[in-house]
Structures are given as structure tokens and as C-alpha cells.
Amino acid sequence: MWKDKFIENGLGSEDDTFPFVVIGNKCDLTSLRKISEEEARQWCKENGNIPYFETSAKENVMISEAFMEMGKGAMKRVSRDAIVMPTSIRGAGPTITLDDKSKRTRDYKKAKKKCRC
């Protein structure tokens, strides 16, 4: 339920590509567990194969690996969501060309010749 609420409230749409990572901390305190590792892994599998890490901040167990996985997921999402700019915009008037360096240089030189500064 928390995953669906996060997507609904945080992303504004149904987006199953968000790079979730589940981290079970305090793996050094096994006697205080509420959920077994098997249950957690099964839940992750049933919810889109979410990467799962059992960590201990105190003992520095799997901390780097968990953060590396988060970074990899974020980078994949950034490259997937990259914005591609059009080269021109058409509307009611004439077409506007974006980033045509040769034309921009030519127009600048013409304008400079007419200038009396």
C-alpha cells in the first residue's frame, strides 16, 4: 500500500519505473526481527523485483551496496526521462528554428555591418 501511495502522491501518475529499493536495517539485531528475510524478499519479488538489502549502519554492512543500487536506478531513470528539444517550432506564424548556429552567425554579421556604433 505504501508503494502505491508514494507513486500516487509523489509522482502524480501510475509510474512503475520508479527505482525503489527496500532496505532492512539493523540486521545485526536478529532477535528483534518482526519480518524474516524470506518474507521481505518475497514481498520485493511480488512487487516488481525491487532490490532488497539487509544492512547494519552500526556494523557498516551492505550500506555502500544499497546506495550504489539507488544511484544506478536513479541514473537509469534520468537517462530514460531525458528531454529531447525540437529543432523547430511551428505555430500560426512562420517556423522558428532553434539553435541554427550558421544562420545566427550570418544574421549577427549583417546586423553588425548596419550598426554605426
PDB file of N, CA and C in Angstrom:
ATOM      1  N   MET A   1       0.819  -1.191   0.000  1.00  0.00           N
ATOM      2  CA  MET A   1       0.000   0.000   0.000  1.00  0.00           C
ATOM      3  C   MET A   1       0.872   1.268   0.000  1.00  0.00           C
ATOM      4  N   TRP A   2       1.971   1.288   0.752  1.00  0.00           N
ATOM      5  CA  TRP A   2       2.818   2.480   0.810  1.00  0.00           C
ATOM      6  C   TRP A   2       3.423   2.802  -0.546  1.00  0.00           C
ATOM      7  N   LYS A   3       3.754   1.755  -1.305  1.00  0.00           N
ATOM      8  CA  LYS A   3       4.345   1.970  -2.628  1.00  0.00           C
ATOM      9  C   LYS A   3       3.347   2.661  -3.549  1.00  0.00           C
ATOM     10  N   ASP A   4       2.123   2.177  -3.573  1.00  0.00           N
ATOM     11  CA  ASP A   4       1.080   2.786  -4.409  1.00  0.00           C
ATOM     12  C   ASP A   4       0.810   4.225  -3.992  1.00  0.00           C
ATOM     13  N   LYS A   5       0.775   4.483  -2.689  1.00  0.00           N
ATOM     14  CA  LYS A   5       0.545   5.847  -2.194  1.00  0.00           C
ATOM     15  C   LYS A   5       1.686   6.768  -2.579  1.00  0.00           C
ATOM     16  N   PHE A   6       2.909   6.263  -2.516  1.00  0.00           N
ATOM     17  CA  PHE A   6       4.062   7.070  -2.907  1.00  0.00           C
ATOM     18  C   PHE A   6       3.961   7.453  -4.375  1.00  0.00           C
ATOM     19  N   ILE A   7       3.664   6.484  -5.210  1.00  0.00           N
ATOM     20  CA  ILE A   7       3.544   6.755  -6.642  1.00  0.00           C
ATOM     21  C   ILE A   7       2.416   7.749  -6.894  1.00  0.00           C
ATOM     22  N   GLU A   8       1.279   7.516  -6.273  1.00  0.00           N
ATOM     23  CA  GLU A   8       0.114   8.393  -6.463  1.00  0.00           C
ATOM     24  C   GLU A   8       0.386   9.820  -5.984  1.00  0.00           C
ATOM     25  N   ASN A   9       0.960   9.976  -4.811  1.00  0.00           N
ATOM     26  CA  ASN A   9       1.174  11.303  -4.241  1.00  0.00           C
ATOM     27  C   ASN A   9       2.483  11.957  -4.667  1.00  0.00           C
ATOM     28  N   GLY A  10       3.503  11.162  -4.875  1.00  0.00           N
ATOM     29  CA  GLY A  10       4.801  11.729  -5.193  1.00  0.00           C
ATOM     30  C   GLY A  10       5.050  11.931  -6.670  1.00  0.00           C
ATOM     31  N   LEU A  11       4.492  11.070  -7.494  1.00  0.00           N
ATOM     32  CA  LEU A  11       4.765  11.147  -8.918  1.00  0.00           C
ATOM     33  C   LEU A  11       3.587  11.684  -9.714  1.00  0.00           C
ATOM     34  N   GLY A  12       2.403  11.680  -9.118  1.00  0.00           N
ATOM     35  CA  GLY A  12       1.240  12.228  -9.792  1.00  0.00           C
ATOM     36  C   GLY A  12       0.635  11.324 -10.846  1.00  0.00           C
ATOM     37  N   SER A  13       1.169  10.149 -11.043  1.00  0.00           N
ATOM     38  CA  SER A  13       0.615   9.218 -12.021  1.00  0.00           C
ATOM     39  C   SER A  13       1.080   7.811 -11.686  1.00  0.00           C
ATOM     40  N   GLU A  14       0.487   6.870 -12.354  1.00  0.00           N
ATOM     41  CA  GLU A  14       0.932   5.487 -12.184  1.00  0.00           C
ATOM     42  C   GLU A  14       2.242   5.329 -12.944  1.00  0.00           C
ATOM     43  N   ASP A  15       3.310   5.137 -12.244  1.00  0.00           N
ATOM     44  CA  ASP A  15       4.612   5.011 -12.879  1.00  0.00           C
ATOM     45  C   ASP A  15       5.357   3.872 -12.207  1.00  0.00           C
ATOM     46  N   ASP A  16       5.401   2.739 -12.874  1.00  0.00           N
ATOM     47  CA  ASP A  16       6.040   1.569 -12.276  1.00  0.00           C
ATOM     48  C   ASP A  16       7.535   1.515 -12.566  1.00  0.00           C
ATOM     49  N   THR A  17       8.104   2.625 -13.055  1.00  0.00           N
ATOM     50  CA  THR A  17       9.533   2.644 -13.335  1.00  0.00           C
ATOM     51  C   THR A  17      10.332   3.340 -12.244  1.00  0.00           C
ATOM     52  N   PHE A  18       9.685   3.812 -11.183  1.00  0.00           N
ATOM     53  CA  PHE A  18      10.419   4.488 -10.121  1.00  0.00           C
ATOM     54  C   PHE A  18      11.395   3.497  -9.490  1.00  0.00           C
ATOM     55  N   PRO A  19      12.646   3.900  -9.296  1.00  0.00           N
ATOM     56  CA  PRO A  19      13.674   2.956  -8.820  1.00  0.00           C
ATOM     57  C   PRO A  19      13.633   2.718  -7.308  1.00  0.00           C
ATOM     58  N   PHE A  20      12.642   1.975  -6.852  1.00  0.00           N
ATOM     59  CA  PHE A  20      12.542   1.653  -5.433  1.00  0.00           C
ATOM     60  C   PHE A  20      13.671   0.716  -5.013  1.00  0.00           C
ATOM     61  N   VAL A  21      14.071   0.847  -3.756  1.00  0.00           N
ATOM     62  CA  VAL A  21      15.000  -0.075  -3.113  1.00  0.00           C
ATOM     63  C   VAL A  21      14.470  -0.278  -1.698  1.00  0.00           C
ATOM     64  N   VAL A  22      14.395  -1.517  -1.248  1.00  0.00           N
ATOM     65  CA  VAL A  22      13.955  -1.804   0.116  1.00  0.00           C
ATOM     66  C   VAL A  22      15.187  -2.138   0.945  1.00  0.00           C
ATOM     67  N   ILE A  23      15.298  -1.452   2.080  1.00  0.00           N
ATOM     68  CA  ILE A  23      16.440  -1.652   2.964  1.00  0.00           C
ATOM     69  C   ILE A  23      15.940  -2.072   4.338  1.00  0.00           C
ATOM     70  N   GLY A  24      16.370  -3.245   4.761  1.00  0.00           N
ATOM     71  CA  GLY A  24      16.088  -3.710   6.114  1.00  0.00           C
ATOM     72  C   GLY A  24      17.311  -3.405   6.964  1.00  0.00           C
ATOM     73  N   ASN A  25      17.191  -2.429   7.847  1.00  0.00           N
ATOM     74  CA  ASN A  25      18.336  -2.010   8.656  1.00  0.00           C
ATOM     75  C   ASN A  25      18.393  -2.817   9.955  1.00  0.00           C
ATOM     76  N   LYS A  26      19.497  -2.723  10.616  1.00  0.00           N
ATOM     77  CA  LYS A  26      19.762  -3.384  11.898  1.00  0.00           C
ATOM     78  C   LYS A  26      19.788  -4.904  11.766  1.00  0.00           C
ATOM     79  N   CYS A  27      20.392  -5.378  10.682  1.00  0.00           N
ATOM     80  CA  CYS A  27      20.473  -6.833  10.505  1.00  0.00           C
ATOM     81  C   CYS A  27      21.340  -7.486  11.579  1.00  0.00           C
ATOM     82  N   ASP A  28      22.066  -6.666  12.346  1.00  0.00           N
ATOM     83  CA  ASP A  28      22.869  -7.178  13.452  1.00  0.00           C
ATOM     84  C   ASP A  28      22.014  -7.500  14.681  1.00  0.00           C
ATOM     85  N   LEU A  29      20.753  -7.094  14.691  1.00  0.00           N
ATOM     86  CA  LEU A  29      19.853  -7.346  15.829  1.00  0.00           C
ATOM     87  C   LEU A  29      18.781  -8.367  15.438  1.00  0.00           C
ATOM     88  N   THR A  30      19.196  -9.552  15.074  1.00  0.00           N
ATOM     89  CA  THR A  30      18.277 -10.573  14.563  1.00  0.00           C
ATOM     90  C   THR A  30      17.204 -10.983  15.568  1.00  0.00           C
ATOM     91  N   SER A  31      17.482 -10.896  16.844  1.00  0.00           N
ATOM     92  CA  SER A  31      16.492 -11.302  17.850  1.00  0.00           C
ATOM     93  C   SER A  31      15.298 -10.348  17.907  1.00  0.00           C
ATOM     94  N   LEU A  32      15.436  -9.148  17.355  1.00  0.00           N
ATOM     95  CA  LEU A  32      14.355  -8.163  17.386  1.00  0.00           C
ATOM     96  C   LEU A  32      13.562  -8.090  16.074  1.00  0.00           C
ATOM     97  N   ARG A  33      13.816  -9.018  15.170  1.00  0.00           N
ATOM     98  CA  ARG A  33      13.157  -9.008  13.855  1.00  0.00           C
ATOM     99  C   ARG A  33      11.659  -9.153  13.985  1.00  0.00           C
ATOM    100  N   LYS A  34      10.944  -8.427  13.138  1.00  0.00           N
ATOM    101  CA  LYS A  34       9.482  -8.554  13.027  1.00  0.00           C
ATOM    102  C   LYS A  34       9.114  -9.307  11.758  1.00  0.00           C
ATOM    103  N   ILE A  35       9.973  -9.204  10.728  1.00  0.00           N
ATOM    104  CA  ILE A  35       9.745  -9.849   9.428  1.00  0.00           C
ATOM    105  C   ILE A  35      11.016 -10.597   9.053  1.00  0.00           C
ATOM    106  N   SER A  36      10.845 -11.823   8.580  1.00  0.00           N
ATOM    107  CA  SER A  36      12.026 -12.611   8.192  1.00  0.00           C
ATOM    108  C   SER A  36      12.584 -12.107   6.861  1.00  0.00           C
ATOM    109  N   GLU A  37      13.835 -12.444   6.619  1.00  0.00           N
ATOM    110  CA  GLU A  37      14.459 -12.073   5.355  1.00  0.00           C
ATOM    111  C   GLU A  37      13.689 -12.687   4.191  1.00  0.00           C
ATOM    112  N   GLU A  38      13.242 -13.914   4.356  1.00  0.00           N
ATOM    113  CA  GLU A  38      12.498 -14.592   3.295  1.00  0.00           C
ATOM    114  C   GLU A  38      11.201 -13.851   2.972  1.00  0.00           C
ATOM    115  N   GLU A  39      10.483 -13.393   4.012  1.00  0.00           N
ATOM    116  CA  GLU A  39       9.239 -12.643   3.792  1.00  0.00           C
ATOM    117  C   GLU A  39       9.514 -11.336   3.044  1.00  0.00           C
ATOM    118  N   ALA A  40      10.566 -10.652   3.436  1.00  0.00           N
ATOM    119  CA  ALA A  40      10.914  -9.385   2.798  1.00  0.00           C
ATOM    120  C   ALA A  40      11.294  -9.608   1.337  1.00  0.00           C
ATOM    121  N   ARG A  41      12.099 -10.614   1.085  1.00  0.00           N
ATOM    122  CA  ARG A  41      12.497 -10.907  -0.303  1.00  0.00           C
ATOM    123  C   ARG A  41      11.303 -11.316  -1.152  1.00  0.00           C
ATOM    124  N   GLN A  42      10.394 -12.078  -0.587  1.00  0.00           N
ATOM    125  CA  GLN A  42       9.185 -12.498  -1.310  1.00  0.00           C
ATOM    126  C   GLN A  42       8.328 -11.280  -1.657  1.00  0.00           C
ATOM    127  N   TRP A  43       8.165 -10.369  -0.698  1.00  0.00           N
ATOM    128  CA  TRP A  43       7.386  -9.153  -0.951  1.00  0.00           C
ATOM    129  C   TRP A  43       8.024  -8.348  -2.081  1.00  0.00           C
ATOM    130  N   CYS A  44       9.335  -8.201  -2.049  1.00  0.00           N
ATOM    131  CA  CYS A  44      10.043  -7.447  -3.099  1.00  0.00           C
ATOM    132  C   CYS A  44       9.855  -8.100  -4.458  1.00  0.00           C
ATOM    133  N   LYS A  45       9.902  -9.421  -4.485  1.00  0.00           N
ATOM    134  CA  LYS A  45       9.705 -10.154  -5.730  1.00  0.00           C
ATOM    135  C   LYS A  45       8.302  -9.936  -6.274  1.00  0.00           C
ATOM    136  N   GLU A  46       7.313  -9.988  -5.402  1.00  0.00           N
ATOM    137  CA  GLU A  46       5.913  -9.812  -5.811  1.00  0.00           C
ATOM    138  C   GLU A  46       5.583  -8.377  -6.216  1.00  0.00           C
ATOM    139  N   ASN A  47       6.416  -7.455  -5.852  1.00  0.00           N
ATOM    140  CA  ASN A  47       6.153  -6.042  -6.142  1.00  0.00           C
ATOM    141  C   ASN A  47       7.143  -5.470  -7.151  1.00  0.00           C
ATOM    142  N   GLY A  48       7.428  -6.237  -8.169  1.00  0.00           N
ATOM    143  CA  GLY A  48       8.253  -5.738  -9.261  1.00  0.00           C
ATOM    144  C   GLY A  48       9.728  -6.018  -9.136  1.00  0.00           C
ATOM    145  N   ASN A  49      10.094  -7.056  -8.385  1.00  0.00           N
ATOM    146  CA  ASN A  49      11.519  -7.403  -8.206  1.00  0.00           C
ATOM    147  C   ASN A  49      12.331  -6.224  -7.680  1.00  0.00           C
ATOM    148  N   ILE A  50      11.832  -5.595  -6.646  1.00  0.00           N
ATOM    149  CA  ILE A  50      12.533  -4.471  -6.026  1.00  0.00           C
ATOM    150  C   ILE A  50      13.808  -4.993  -5.363  1.00  0.00           C
ATOM    151  N   PRO A  51      14.931  -4.337  -5.612  1.00  0.00           N
ATOM    152  CA  PRO A  51      16.176  -4.759  -4.946  1.00  0.00           C
ATOM    153  C   PRO A  51      16.031  -4.664  -3.417  1.00  0.00           C
ATOM    154  N   TYR A  52      16.544  -5.653  -2.718  1.00  0.00           N
ATOM    155  CA  TYR A  52      16.419  -5.723  -1.259  1.00  0.00           C
ATOM    156  C   TYR A  52      17.797  -5.876  -0.637  1.00  0.00           C
ATOM    157  N   PHE A  53      18.033  -5.104   0.415  1.00  0.00           N
ATOM    158  CA  PHE A  53      19.310  -5.157   1.123  1.00  0.00           C
ATOM    159  C   PHE A  53      19.059  -5.251   2.613  1.00  0.00           C
ATOM    160  N   GLU A  54      19.755  -6.160   3.257  1.00  0.00           N
ATOM    161  CA  GLU A  54      19.766  -6.224   4.712  1.00  0.00           C
ATOM    162  C   GLU A  54      21.039  -5.513   5.149  1.00  0.00           C
ATOM    163  N   THR A  55      20.866  -4.444   5.919  1.00  0.00           N
ATOM    164  CA  THR A  55      22.008  -3.596   6.270  1.00  0.00           C
ATOM    165  C   THR A  55      22.154  -3.447   7.775  1.00  0.00           C
ATOM    166  N   SER A  56      23.317  -2.984   8.141  1.00  0.00           N
ATOM    167  CA  SER A  56      23.572  -2.562   9.515  1.00  0.00           C
ATOM    168  C   SER A  56      24.420  -1.296   9.436  1.00  0.00           C
ATOM    169  N   ALA A  57      23.825  -0.181   9.831  1.00  0.00           N
ATOM    170  CA  ALA A  57      24.587   1.071   9.839  1.00  0.00           C
ATOM    171  C   ALA A  57      25.691   0.987  10.892  1.00  0.00           C
ATOM    172  N   LYS A  58      25.386   0.353  12.010  1.00  0.00           N
ATOM    173  CA  LYS A  58      26.367   0.227  13.100  1.00  0.00           C
ATOM    174  C   LYS A  58      27.592  -0.572  12.671  1.00  0.00           C
ATOM    175  N   GLU A  59      27.351  -1.673  11.961  1.00  0.00           N
ATOM    176  CA  GLU A  59      28.439  -2.561  11.549  1.00  0.00           C
ATOM    177  C   GLU A  59      28.919  -2.273  10.119  1.00  0.00           C
ATOM    178  N   ASN A  60      28.320  -1.298   9.461  1.00  0.00           N
ATOM    179  CA  ASN A  60      28.647  -0.942   8.070  1.00  0.00           C
ATOM    180  C   ASN A  60      28.508  -2.149   7.140  1.00  0.00           C
ATOM    181  N   VAL A  61      27.358  -2.803   7.211  1.00  0.00           N
ATOM    182  CA  VAL A  61      27.076  -3.975   6.387  1.00  0.00           C
ATOM    183  C   VAL A  61      26.128  -3.576   5.249  1.00  0.00           C
ATOM    184  N   MET A  62      26.554  -3.751   4.016  1.00  0.00           N
ATOM    185  CA  MET A  62      25.767  -3.546   2.793  1.00  0.00           C
ATOM    186  C   MET A  62      25.253  -2.111   2.604  1.00  0.00           C
ATOM    187  N   ILE A  63      25.811  -1.163   3.299  1.00  0.00           N
ATOM    188  CA  ILE A  63      25.389   0.233   3.159  1.00  0.00           C
ATOM    189  C   ILE A  63      25.786   0.772   1.780  1.00  0.00           C
ATOM    190  N   SER A  64      27.041   0.625   1.422  1.00  0.00           N
ATOM    191  CA  SER A  64      27.522   1.115   0.123  1.00  0.00           C
ATOM    192  C   SER A  64      26.776   0.461  -1.025  1.00  0.00           C
ATOM    193  N   GLU A  65      26.552  -0.840  -0.922  1.00  0.00           N
ATOM    194  CA  GLU A  65      25.865  -1.568  -1.988  1.00  0.00           C
ATOM    195  C   GLU A  65      24.435  -1.059  -2.181  1.00  0.00           C
ATOM    196  N   ALA A  66      23.748  -0.788  -1.067  1.00  0.00           N
ATOM    197  CA  ALA A  66      22.377  -0.279  -1.157  1.00  0.00           C
ATOM    198  C   ALA A  66      22.345   1.094  -1.827  1.00  0.00           C
ATOM    199  N   PHE A  67      23.266   1.970  -1.430  1.00  0.00           N
ATOM    200  CA  PHE A  67      23.295   3.303  -2.031  1.00  0.00           C
ATOM    201  C   PHE A  67      23.735   3.257  -3.487  1.00  0.00           C
ATOM    202  N   MET A  68      24.618   2.362  -3.833  1.00  0.00           N
ATOM    203  CA  MET A  68      25.025   2.214  -5.237  1.00  0.00           C
ATOM    204  C   MET A  68      23.836   1.772  -6.086  1.00  0.00           C
ATOM    205  N   GLU A  69      23.043   0.873  -5.575  1.00  0.00           N
ATOM    206  CA  GLU A  69      21.847   0.415  -6.300  1.00  0.00           C
ATOM    207  C   GLU A  69      20.864   1.567  -6.501  1.00  0.00           C
ATOM    208  N   MET A  70      20.687   2.391  -5.472  1.00  0.00           N
ATOM    209  CA  MET A  70      19.804   3.561  -5.604  1.00  0.00           C
ATOM    210  C   MET A  70      20.330   4.506  -6.678  1.00  0.00           C
ATOM    211  N   GLY A  71      21.622   4.726  -6.678  1.00  0.00           N
ATOM    212  CA  GLY A  71      22.231   5.608  -7.674  1.00  0.00           C
ATOM    213  C   GLY A  71      22.064   5.077  -9.087  1.00  0.00           C
ATOM    214  N   LYS A  72      22.271   3.779  -9.262  1.00  0.00           N
ATOM    215  CA  LYS A  72      22.108   3.167 -10.585  1.00  0.00           C
ATOM    216  C   LYS A  72      20.673   3.317 -11.075  1.00  0.00           C
ATOM    217  N   GLY A  73      19.721   3.068 -10.180  1.00  0.00           N
ATOM    218  CA  GLY A  73      18.314   3.208 -10.561  1.00  0.00           C
ATOM    219  C   GLY A  73      17.965   4.634 -10.926  1.00  0.00           C
ATOM    220  N   ALA A  74      18.495   5.584 -10.173  1.00  0.00           N
ATOM    221  CA  ALA A  74      18.234   7.000 -10.464  1.00  0.00           C
ATOM    222  C   ALA A  74      18.841   7.392 -11.801  1.00  0.00           C
ATOM    223  N   MET A  75      20.045   6.929 -12.089  1.00  0.00           N
ATOM    224  CA  MET A  75      20.697   7.273 -13.354  1.00  0.00           C
ATOM    225  C   MET A  75      19.952   6.683 -14.550  1.00  0.00           C
ATOM    226  N   LYS A  76      19.450   5.473 -14.416  1.00  0.00           N
ATOM    227  CA  LYS A  76      18.659   4.881 -15.497  1.00  0.00           C
ATOM    228  C   LYS A  76      17.411   5.712 -15.758  1.00  0.00           C
ATOM    229  N   ARG A  77      16.792   6.152 -14.687  1.00  0.00           N
ATOM    230  CA  ARG A  77      15.566   6.938 -14.826  1.00  0.00           C
ATOM    231  C   ARG A  77      15.866   8.293 -15.452  1.00  0.00           C
ATOM    232  N   VAL A  78      16.959   8.928 -15.065  1.00  0.00           N
ATOM    233  CA  VAL A  78      17.323  10.224 -15.635  1.00  0.00           C
ATOM    234  C   VAL A  78      17.546  10.086 -17.135  1.00  0.00           C
ATOM    235  N   SER A  79      18.284   9.058 -17.557  1.00  0.00           N
ATOM    236  CA  SER A  79      18.542   8.906 -18.988  1.00  0.00           C
ATOM    237  C   SER A  79      17.262   8.550 -19.737  1.00  0.00           C
ATOM    238  N   ARG A  80      16.353   7.830 -19.104  1.00  0.00           N
ATOM    239  CA  ARG A  80      15.078   7.479 -19.736  1.00  0.00           C
ATOM    240  C   ARG A  80      14.194   8.707 -19.874  1.00  0.00           C
ATOM    241  N   ASP A  81      14.244   9.596 -18.908  1.00  0.00           N
ATOM    242  CA  ASP A  81      13.392  10.778 -18.898  1.00  0.00           C
ATOM    243  C   ASP A  81      14.058  12.001 -19.528  1.00  0.00           C
ATOM    244  N   ALA A  82      15.170  11.803 -20.221  1.00  0.00           N
ATOM    245  CA  ALA A  82      15.869  12.940 -20.822  1.00  0.00           C
ATOM    246  C   ALA A  82      14.939  13.687 -21.771  1.00  0.00           C
ATOM    247  N   ILE A  83      15.028  14.982 -21.720  1.00  0.00           N
ATOM    248  CA  ILE A  83      14.189  15.815 -22.568  1.00  0.00           C
ATOM    249  C   ILE A  83      14.900  16.046 -23.889  1.00  0.00           C
ATOM    250  N   VAL A  84      14.218  15.765 -24.964  1.00  0.00           N
ATOM    251  CA  VAL A  84      14.773  15.996 -26.290  1.00  0.00           C
ATOM    252  C   VAL A  84      14.133  17.269 -26.828  1.00  0.00           C
ATOM    253  N   MET A  85      14.959  18.233 -27.121  1.00  0.00           N
ATOM    254  CA  MET A  85      14.466  19.514 -27.628  1.00  0.00           C
ATOM    255  C   MET A  85      14.240  19.425 -29.137  1.00  0.00           C
ATOM    256  N   PRO A  86      13.130  19.996 -29.610  1.00  0.00           N
ATOM    257  CA  PRO A  86      12.895  20.012 -31.052  1.00  0.00           C
ATOM    258  C   PRO A  86      13.860  20.989 -31.716  1.00  0.00           C
ATOM    259  N   THR A  87      14.067  20.816 -33.004  1.00  0.00           N
ATOM    260  CA  THR A  87      14.929  21.743 -33.739  1.00  0.00           C
ATOM    261  C   THR A  87      14.141  22.929 -34.278  1.00  0.00           C
ATOM    262  N   SER A  88      12.812  22.813 -34.300  1.00  0.00           N
ATOM    263  CA  SER A  88      11.996  23.935 -34.749  1.00  0.00           C
ATOM    264  C   SER A  88      10.630  23.877 -34.089  1.00  0.00           C
ATOM    265  N   ILE A  89       9.963  25.035 -34.085  1.00  0.00           N
ATOM    266  CA  ILE A  89       8.631  25.144 -33.516  1.00  0.00           C
ATOM    267  C   ILE A  89       7.733  25.745 -34.588  1.00  0.00           C
ATOM    268  N   ARG A  90       6.629  25.076 -34.887  1.00  0.00           N
ATOM    269  CA  ARG A  90       5.692  25.586 -35.881  1.00  0.00           C
ATOM    270  C   ARG A  90       4.434  26.015 -35.155  1.00  0.00           C
ATOM    271  N   GLY A  91       3.906  27.125 -35.554  1.00  0.00           N
ATOM    272  CA  GLY A  91       2.683  27.626 -34.964  1.00  0.00           C
ATOM    273  C   GLY A  91       1.878  28.344 -36.012  1.00  0.00           C
ATOM    274  N   ALA A  92       1.126  29.358 -35.584  1.00  0.00           N
ATOM    275  CA  ALA A  92       0.304  30.117 -36.514  1.00  0.00           C
ATOM    276  C   ALA A  92       1.159  30.959 -37.448  1.00  0.00           C
ATOM    277  N   GLY A  93       2.324  31.375 -36.985  1.00  0.00           N
ATOM    278  CA  GLY A  93       3.218  32.199 -37.795  1.00  0.00           C
ATOM    279  C   GLY A  93       4.274  31.356 -38.477  1.00  0.00           C
ATOM    280  N   PRO A  94       5.365  31.999 -38.847  1.00  0.00           N
ATOM    281  CA  PRO A  94       6.448  31.253 -39.506  1.00  0.00           C
ATOM    282  C   PRO A  94       7.139  30.288 -38.531  1.00  0.00           C
ATOM    283  N   THR A  95       7.798  29.293 -39.087  1.00  0.00           N
ATOM    284  CA  THR A  95       8.526  28.316 -38.280  1.00  0.00           C
ATOM    285  C   THR A  95       9.715  28.992 -37.607  1.00  0.00           C
ATOM    286  N   ILE A  96       9.882  28.705 -36.329  1.00  0.00           N
ATOM    287  CA  ILE A  96      11.023  29.226 -35.580  1.00  0.00           C
ATOM    288  C   ILE A  96      12.050  28.111 -35.507  1.00  0.00           C
ATOM    289  N   THR A  97      13.252  28.384 -35.996  1.00  0.00           N
ATOM    290  CA  THR A  97      14.321  27.392 -35.947  1.00  0.00           C
ATOM    291  C   THR A  97      15.134  27.612 -34.684  1.00  0.00           C
ATOM    292  N   LEU A  98      15.358  26.530 -33.958  1.00  0.00           N
ATOM    293  CA  LEU A  98      16.109  26.603 -32.716  1.00  0.00           C
ATOM    294  C   LEU A  98      17.538  26.158 -32.941  1.00  0.00           C
ATOM    295  N   ASP A  99      18.466  26.921 -32.436  1.00  0.00           N
ATOM    296  CA  ASP A  99      19.880  26.574 -32.422  1.00  0.00           C
ATOM    297  C   ASP A  99      20.472  26.348 -33.808  1.00  0.00           C
ATOM    298  N   ASP A 100      20.091  27.176 -34.767  1.00  0.00           N
ATOM    299  CA  ASP A 100      20.715  27.131 -36.086  1.00  0.00           C
ATOM    300  C   ASP A 100      21.886  28.095 -36.049  1.00  0.00           C
ATOM    301  N   LYS A 101      23.042  27.612 -35.641  1.00  0.00           N
ATOM    302  CA  LYS A 101      24.216  28.458 -35.403  1.00  0.00           C
ATOM    303  C   LYS A 101      24.682  29.177 -36.658  1.00  0.00           C
ATOM    304  N   SER A 102      24.611  28.522 -37.799  1.00  0.00           N
ATOM    305  CA  SER A 102      25.090  29.164 -39.024  1.00  0.00           C
ATOM    306  C   SER A 102      24.232  30.380 -39.364  1.00  0.00           C
ATOM    307  N   LYS A 103      22.932  30.275 -39.232  1.00  0.00           N
ATOM    308  CA  LYS A 103      22.042  31.394 -39.534  1.00  0.00           C
ATOM    309  C   LYS A 103      22.232  32.502 -38.505  1.00  0.00           C
ATOM    310  N   ARG A 104      22.397  32.130 -37.255  1.00  0.00           N
ATOM    311  CA  ARG A 104      22.564  33.120 -36.195  1.00  0.00           C
ATOM    312  C   ARG A 104      23.834  33.938 -36.437  1.00  0.00           C
ATOM    313  N   THR A 105      24.910  33.291 -36.816  1.00  0.00           N
ATOM    314  CA  THR A 105      26.170  33.979 -37.087  1.00  0.00           C
ATOM    315  C   THR A 105      26.019  34.907 -38.287  1.00  0.00           C
ATOM    316  N   ARG A 106      25.382  34.425 -39.344  1.00  0.00           N
ATOM    317  CA  ARG A 106      25.157  35.227 -40.539  1.00  0.00           C
ATOM    318  C   ARG A 106      24.333  36.468 -40.224  1.00  0.00           C
ATOM    319  N   ASP A 107      23.219  36.293 -39.454  1.00  0.00           N
ATOM    320  CA  ASP A 107      22.355  37.423 -39.095  1.00  0.00           C
ATOM    321  C   ASP A 107      23.095  38.428 -38.225  1.00  0.00           C
ATOM    322  N   TYR A 108      23.940  37.956 -37.346  1.00  0.00           N
ATOM    323  CA  TYR A 108      24.707  38.837 -36.467  1.00  0.00           C
ATOM    324  C   TYR A 108      25.672  39.690 -37.286  1.00  0.00           C
ATOM    325  N   LYS A 109      26.335  39.057 -38.260  1.00  0.00           N
ATOM    326  CA  LYS A 109      27.278  39.801 -39.100  1.00  0.00           C
ATOM    327  C   LYS A 109      26.567  40.862 -39.927  1.00  0.00           C
ATOM    328  N   LYS A 110      25.368  40.549 -40.454  1.00  0.00           N
ATOM    329  CA  LYS A 110      24.587  41.535 -41.220  1.00  0.00           C
ATOM    330  C   LYS A 110      24.212  42.707 -40.327  1.00  0.00           C
ATOM    331  N   ALA A 111      23.733  42.404 -39.130  1.00  0.00           N
ATOM    332  CA  ALA A 111      23.316  43.448 -38.198  1.00  0.00           C
ATOM    333  C   ALA A 111      24.497  44.318 -37.817  1.00  0.00           C
ATOM    334  N   LYS A 112      25.660  43.720 -37.653  1.00  0.00           N
ATOM    335  CA  LYS A 112      26.852  44.477 -37.238  1.00  0.00           C
ATOM    336  C   LYS A 112      27.270  45.455 -38.335  1.00  0.00           C
ATOM    337  N   LYS A 113      27.146  45.070 -39.610  1.00  0.00           N
ATOM    338  CA  LYS A 113      27.528  45.944 -40.717  1.00  0.00           C
ATOM    339  C   LYS A 113      26.637  47.187 -40.770  1.00  0.00           C
ATOM    340  N   LYS A 114      25.371  47.027 -40.417  1.00  0.00           N
ATOM    341  CA  LYS A 114      24.429  48.130 -40.457  1.00  0.00           C
ATOM    342  C   LYS A 114      24.569  49.034 -39.241  1.00  0.00           C
ATOM    343  N   CYS A 115      25.231  48.588 -38.234  1.00  0.00           N
ATOM    344  CA  CYS A 115      25.359  49.336 -36.995  1.00  0.00           C
ATOM    345  C   CYS A 115      26.380  50.460 -37.146  1.00  0.00           C
ATOM    346  N   ARG A 116      26.088  51.631 -36.571  1.00  0.00           N
ATOM    347  CA  ARG A 116      27.013  52.780 -36.662  1.00  0.00           C
ATOM    348  C   ARG A 116      27.721  53.039 -35.354  1.00  0.00           C
ATOM    349  N   CYS A 117      27.822  52.083 -34.490  1.00  0.00           N
ATOM    350  CA  CYS A 117      28.486  52.320 -33.211  1.00  0.00           C
ATOM    351  C   CYS A 117      29.981  52.301 -33.322  1.00  0.00           C
TER     352      CYS A 117
END
